[in-house]
Amino acid sequence: MAVGNMLRVLKGNQETLISPANKDEYLKKGYSVIDEDGTVLEKGTKTKHAVEEELKAANKRIAELEAELRGYKESDSAKSEAAEKGKDSGQKKGGSKLTGE
């Protein structure tokens, strides 16, 4: 955590030594306080930009999954319609076999 009286902070792949007085400022910028081994001791808050990017990615994934679900529903309803048509024609054929026609 500390090198002398300095704190080690990390954001992405950027590691920096800072004064303990600047800790809160760096945490607000998204830096995390780490120890000498790289273990996160205190996580920084995400920046607005990072949160917006995560939201965009999540919304894109939701749209993809909704489209996939619509495809499954359409495919399922088409199969159901085909099965119903098959039942109708099967009943007619079955009926004629029973009557001997």
N, C-alpha and C. Protein backbone atom coordinates (compact mmCIF):
# COMPACT_ATOMS: atom_id res chain seq x y z
N MET A 1 0.82 -1.19 0.00
CA MET A 1 0.00 0.00 0.00
C MET A 1 0.87 1.25 0.00
N ALA A 2 1.78 1.34 0.92
CA ALA A 2 2.56 2.57 1.02
C ALA A 2 4.02 2.32 0.69
N VAL A 3 4.59 3.24 0.00
CA VAL A 3 6.03 3.25 -0.24
C VAL A 3 6.50 4.51 0.48
N GLY A 4 7.13 4.32 1.62
CA GLY A 4 7.43 5.47 2.47
C GLY A 4 6.10 6.00 2.97
N ASN A 5 5.82 7.23 2.64
CA ASN A 5 4.52 7.80 3.01
C ASN A 5 3.64 8.01 1.77
N MET A 6 3.93 7.28 0.71
CA MET A 6 3.18 7.41 -0.55
C MET A 6 2.20 6.23 -0.70
N LEU A 7 1.13 6.47 -1.42
CA LEU A 7 0.16 5.42 -1.74
C LEU A 7 0.33 5.01 -3.19
N ARG A 8 0.11 3.77 -3.45
CA ARG A 8 0.17 3.25 -4.81
C ARG A 8 -1.27 3.15 -5.32
N VAL A 9 -1.54 3.78 -6.47
CA VAL A 9 -2.88 3.72 -7.06
C VAL A 9 -2.78 3.18 -8.48
N LEU A 10 -3.88 2.61 -8.94
CA LEU A 10 -3.90 1.97 -10.25
C LEU A 10 -5.20 2.30 -10.96
N LYS A 11 -5.08 2.62 -12.24
CA LYS A 11 -6.25 2.82 -13.10
C LYS A 11 -5.89 2.24 -14.46
N GLY A 12 -6.64 1.22 -14.86
CA GLY A 12 -6.29 0.53 -16.10
C GLY A 12 -4.95 -0.15 -15.90
N ASN A 13 -3.98 0.22 -16.73
CA ASN A 13 -2.64 -0.34 -16.56
C ASN A 13 -1.66 0.72 -16.08
N GLN A 14 -2.20 1.85 -15.61
CA GLN A 14 -1.36 2.95 -15.14
C GLN A 14 -1.26 2.92 -13.61
N GLU A 15 -0.05 2.72 -13.13
CA GLU A 15 0.20 2.69 -11.68
C GLU A 15 0.96 3.96 -11.31
N THR A 16 0.51 4.61 -10.23
CA THR A 16 1.08 5.89 -9.83
C THR A 16 1.27 5.92 -8.32
N LEU A 17 2.31 6.60 -7.87
CA LEU A 17 2.50 6.86 -6.45
C LEU A 17 1.98 8.25 -6.15
N ILE A 18 1.15 8.36 -5.11
CA ILE A 18 0.56 9.65 -4.75
C ILE A 18 0.71 9.90 -3.26
N SER A 19 0.51 11.14 -2.89
CA SER A 19 0.50 11.52 -1.48
C SER A 19 -0.83 11.09 -0.87
N PRO A 20 -0.84 10.63 0.37
CA PRO A 20 -2.10 10.26 1.02
C PRO A 20 -3.12 11.40 1.03
N ALA A 21 -2.67 12.63 0.98
CA ALA A 21 -3.58 13.78 0.96
C ALA A 21 -4.40 13.81 -0.33
N ASN A 22 -3.88 13.22 -1.41
CA ASN A 22 -4.58 13.22 -2.70
C ASN A 22 -5.42 11.97 -2.93
N LYS A 23 -5.49 11.11 -1.95
CA LYS A 23 -6.17 9.81 -2.10
C LYS A 23 -7.62 9.96 -2.57
N ASP A 24 -8.40 10.80 -1.89
CA ASP A 24 -9.82 10.95 -2.25
C ASP A 24 -9.99 11.45 -3.67
N GLU A 25 -9.15 12.38 -4.06
CA GLU A 25 -9.20 12.94 -5.42
C GLU A 25 -8.98 11.83 -6.46
N TYR A 26 -7.99 10.99 -6.22
CA TYR A 26 -7.69 9.91 -7.15
C TYR A 26 -8.79 8.84 -7.14
N LEU A 27 -9.36 8.55 -5.98
CA LEU A 27 -10.46 7.58 -5.91
C LEU A 27 -11.65 8.07 -6.73
N LYS A 28 -11.94 9.36 -6.67
CA LYS A 28 -13.04 9.94 -7.45
C LYS A 28 -12.78 9.86 -8.94
N LYS A 29 -11.51 9.88 -9.32
CA LYS A 29 -11.15 9.78 -10.74
C LYS A 29 -11.17 8.35 -11.25
N GLY A 30 -11.41 7.39 -10.35
CA GLY A 30 -11.50 6.00 -10.76
C GLY A 30 -10.28 5.16 -10.46
N TYR A 31 -9.28 5.75 -9.81
CA TYR A 31 -8.10 4.99 -9.42
C TYR A 31 -8.43 4.12 -8.22
N SER A 32 -7.78 2.98 -8.10
CA SER A 32 -7.92 2.10 -6.94
C SER A 32 -6.62 2.09 -6.17
N VAL A 33 -6.71 2.07 -4.84
CA VAL A 33 -5.51 1.98 -3.99
C VAL A 33 -5.12 0.51 -3.95
N ILE A 34 -3.84 0.24 -4.23
CA ILE A 34 -3.34 -1.14 -4.25
C ILE A 34 -2.14 -1.28 -3.33
N ASP A 35 -1.82 -2.54 -3.00
CA ASP A 35 -0.61 -2.78 -2.22
C ASP A 35 0.53 -3.16 -3.16
N GLU A 36 1.67 -3.55 -2.59
CA GLU A 36 2.85 -3.87 -3.40
C GLU A 36 2.62 -5.05 -4.34
N ASP A 37 1.71 -5.95 -3.95
CA ASP A 37 1.43 -7.13 -4.78
C ASP A 37 0.38 -6.86 -5.85
N GLY A 38 -0.22 -5.68 -5.83
CA GLY A 38 -1.26 -5.35 -6.80
C GLY A 38 -2.66 -5.68 -6.33
N THR A 39 -2.79 -6.10 -5.07
CA THR A 39 -4.11 -6.40 -4.51
C THR A 39 -4.84 -5.09 -4.23
N VAL A 40 -6.08 -5.01 -4.69
CA VAL A 40 -6.87 -3.79 -4.50
C VAL A 40 -7.30 -3.69 -3.04
N LEU A 41 -6.93 -2.58 -2.43
CA LEU A 41 -7.29 -2.33 -1.04
C LEU A 41 -8.53 -1.46 -0.94
N GLU A 42 -8.66 -0.54 -1.88
CA GLU A 42 -9.80 0.37 -1.88
C GLU A 42 -10.12 0.71 -3.33
N LYS A 43 -11.34 0.38 -3.75
CA LYS A 43 -11.73 0.60 -5.14
C LYS A 43 -12.15 2.04 -5.38
N GLY A 44 -11.73 2.56 -6.50
CA GLY A 44 -12.14 3.90 -6.88
C GLY A 44 -13.53 3.88 -7.51
N THR A 45 -14.16 5.03 -7.52
CA THR A 45 -15.48 5.13 -8.15
C THR A 45 -15.29 5.21 -9.66
N LYS A 46 -16.26 4.69 -10.38
CA LYS A 46 -16.17 4.72 -11.83
C LYS A 46 -16.50 6.12 -12.32
N THR A 47 -15.87 6.50 -13.40
CA THR A 47 -16.16 7.80 -13.99
C THR A 47 -17.48 7.72 -14.74
N LYS A 48 -18.05 8.86 -14.98
CA LYS A 48 -19.32 8.92 -15.71
C LYS A 48 -19.15 8.29 -17.09
N HIS A 49 -18.03 8.55 -17.72
CA HIS A 49 -17.77 8.01 -19.06
C HIS A 49 -17.73 6.48 -19.03
N ALA A 50 -17.07 5.92 -18.03
CA ALA A 50 -16.97 4.46 -17.93
C ALA A 50 -18.34 3.84 -17.71
N VAL A 51 -19.15 4.47 -16.87
CA VAL A 51 -20.50 3.97 -16.61
C VAL A 51 -21.35 4.06 -17.88
N GLU A 52 -21.23 5.17 -18.62
CA GLU A 52 -21.98 5.33 -19.86
C GLU A 52 -21.59 4.27 -20.89
N GLU A 53 -20.29 3.97 -20.98
CA GLU A 53 -19.83 2.94 -21.91
C GLU A 53 -20.38 1.57 -21.53
N GLU A 54 -20.38 1.26 -20.24
CA GLU A 54 -20.95 -0.02 -19.79
C GLU A 54 -22.44 -0.09 -20.10
N LEU A 55 -23.14 1.03 -19.92
CA LEU A 55 -24.57 1.08 -20.20
C LEU A 55 -24.83 0.87 -21.69
N LYS A 56 -24.04 1.51 -22.54
CA LYS A 56 -24.20 1.33 -23.99
C LYS A 56 -23.99 -0.13 -24.37
N ALA A 57 -22.95 -0.74 -23.82
CA ALA A 57 -22.66 -2.15 -24.13
C ALA A 57 -23.79 -3.04 -23.64
N ALA A 58 -24.32 -2.76 -22.45
CA ALA A 58 -25.42 -3.56 -21.91
C ALA A 58 -26.68 -3.40 -22.76
N ASN A 59 -26.98 -2.17 -23.17
CA ASN A 59 -28.16 -1.93 -24.01
C ASN A 59 -28.03 -2.61 -25.36
N LYS A 60 -26.82 -2.62 -25.91
CA LYS A 60 -26.58 -3.29 -27.19
C LYS A 60 -26.82 -4.79 -27.03
N ARG A 61 -26.31 -5.36 -25.95
CA ARG A 61 -26.49 -6.80 -25.70
C ARG A 61 -27.97 -7.14 -25.49
N ILE A 62 -28.69 -6.28 -24.79
CA ILE A 62 -30.13 -6.49 -24.57
C ILE A 62 -30.86 -6.49 -25.91
N ALA A 63 -30.53 -5.55 -26.79
CA ALA A 63 -31.16 -5.48 -28.11
C ALA A 63 -30.87 -6.75 -28.91
N GLU A 64 -29.63 -7.25 -28.84
CA GLU A 64 -29.28 -8.49 -29.54
C GLU A 64 -30.09 -9.67 -29.00
N LEU A 65 -30.20 -9.75 -27.69
CA LEU A 65 -30.95 -10.86 -27.08
C LEU A 65 -32.44 -10.77 -27.39
N GLU A 66 -32.99 -9.55 -27.42
CA GLU A 66 -34.40 -9.38 -27.76
C GLU A 66 -34.66 -9.81 -29.20
N ALA A 67 -33.73 -9.45 -30.11
CA ALA A 67 -33.88 -9.85 -31.51
C ALA A 67 -33.80 -11.37 -31.64
N GLU A 68 -32.89 -11.97 -30.91
CA GLU A 68 -32.76 -13.43 -30.92
C GLU A 68 -34.03 -14.09 -30.39
N LEU A 69 -34.59 -13.54 -29.34
CA LEU A 69 -35.82 -14.07 -28.75
C LEU A 69 -36.98 -13.94 -29.74
N ARG A 70 -37.07 -12.80 -30.43
CA ARG A 70 -38.12 -12.63 -31.44
C ARG A 70 -37.99 -13.69 -32.53
N GLY A 71 -36.76 -13.97 -32.93
CA GLY A 71 -36.51 -15.00 -33.94
C GLY A 71 -36.99 -16.36 -33.48
N TYR A 72 -36.71 -16.68 -32.22
CA TYR A 72 -37.17 -17.96 -31.67
C TYR A 72 -38.69 -18.01 -31.62
N LYS A 73 -39.31 -16.92 -31.20
CA LYS A 73 -40.77 -16.88 -31.11
C LYS A 73 -41.40 -17.03 -32.49
N GLU A 74 -40.84 -16.34 -33.49
CA GLU A 74 -41.37 -16.44 -34.85
C GLU A 74 -41.20 -17.86 -35.38
N SER A 75 -40.05 -18.44 -35.13
CA SER A 75 -39.79 -19.81 -35.57
C SER A 75 -40.74 -20.78 -34.88
N ASP A 76 -40.97 -20.58 -33.60
CA ASP A 76 -41.86 -21.44 -32.83
C ASP A 76 -43.30 -21.32 -33.33
N SER A 77 -43.74 -20.09 -33.61
CA SER A 77 -45.12 -19.92 -34.07
C SER A 77 -45.27 -20.49 -35.48
N ALA A 78 -44.24 -20.40 -36.31
CA ALA A 78 -44.30 -20.99 -37.65
C ALA A 78 -44.39 -22.51 -37.54
N LYS A 79 -43.63 -23.09 -36.62
CA LYS A 79 -43.69 -24.54 -36.41
C LYS A 79 -45.07 -24.95 -35.89
N SER A 80 -45.63 -24.14 -35.00
CA SER A 80 -46.96 -24.43 -34.46
C SER A 80 -48.01 -24.39 -35.56
N GLU A 81 -47.91 -23.39 -36.43
CA GLU A 81 -48.86 -23.28 -37.54
C GLU A 81 -48.72 -24.48 -38.47
N ALA A 82 -47.50 -24.87 -38.76
CA ALA A 82 -47.27 -26.03 -39.63
C ALA A 82 -47.81 -27.29 -38.98
N ALA A 83 -47.64 -27.41 -37.69
CA ALA A 83 -48.15 -28.59 -36.98
C ALA A 83 -49.67 -28.61 -37.01
N GLU A 84 -50.29 -27.44 -36.86
CA GLU A 84 -51.76 -27.35 -36.92
C GLU A 84 -52.25 -27.74 -38.31
N LYS A 85 -51.57 -27.27 -39.34
CA LYS A 85 -51.96 -27.63 -40.72
C LYS A 85 -51.79 -29.12 -40.93
N GLY A 86 -50.72 -29.65 -40.38
CA GLY A 86 -50.48 -31.09 -40.48
C GLY A 86 -51.55 -31.88 -39.77
N LYS A 87 -52.00 -31.39 -38.63
CA LYS A 87 -53.07 -32.06 -37.88
C LYS A 87 -54.35 -32.06 -38.70
N ASP A 88 -54.67 -30.89 -39.28
CA ASP A 88 -55.90 -30.78 -40.06
C ASP A 88 -55.88 -31.75 -41.23
N SER A 89 -54.80 -31.79 -41.98
CA SER A 89 -54.74 -32.69 -43.12
C SER A 89 -54.64 -34.14 -42.66
N GLY A 90 -54.02 -34.38 -41.52
CA GLY A 90 -53.92 -35.73 -40.97
C GLY A 90 -55.27 -36.23 -40.51
N GLN A 91 -56.09 -35.37 -39.99
CA GLN A 91 -57.42 -35.78 -39.54
C GLN A 91 -58.28 -36.16 -40.74
N LYS A 92 -58.15 -35.41 -41.82
CA LYS A 92 -58.95 -35.72 -43.00
C LYS A 92 -58.54 -37.08 -43.56
N LYS A 93 -57.23 -37.29 -43.63
CA LYS A 93 -56.76 -38.58 -44.15
C LYS A 93 -57.17 -39.70 -43.21
N GLY A 94 -57.02 -39.45 -41.92
CA GLY A 94 -57.38 -40.46 -40.93
C GLY A 94 -58.87 -40.77 -40.99
N GLY A 95 -59.67 -39.76 -41.23
CA GLY A 95 -61.11 -39.95 -41.29
C GLY A 95 -61.50 -40.81 -42.47
N SER A 96 -60.83 -40.61 -43.60
CA SER A 96 -61.19 -41.39 -44.78
C SER A 96 -60.75 -42.84 -44.63
N LYS A 97 -59.67 -43.07 -43.91
CA LYS A 97 -59.22 -44.45 -43.69
C LYS A 97 -60.20 -45.19 -42.79
N LEU A 98 -60.74 -44.50 -41.83
CA LEU A 98 -61.69 -45.14 -40.93
C LEU A 98 -63.00 -45.47 -41.63
N THR A 99 -63.39 -44.61 -42.54
CA THR A 99 -64.66 -44.84 -43.23
C THR A 99 -64.46 -45.77 -44.42
N GLY A 100 -63.21 -46.01 -44.77
CA GLY A 100 -62.94 -46.92 -45.87
C GLY A 100 -62.97 -46.24 -47.22
N GLU A 101 -62.98 -44.94 -47.25
CA GLU A 101 -63.02 -44.23 -48.53
C GLU A 101 -61.69 -44.13 -49.17
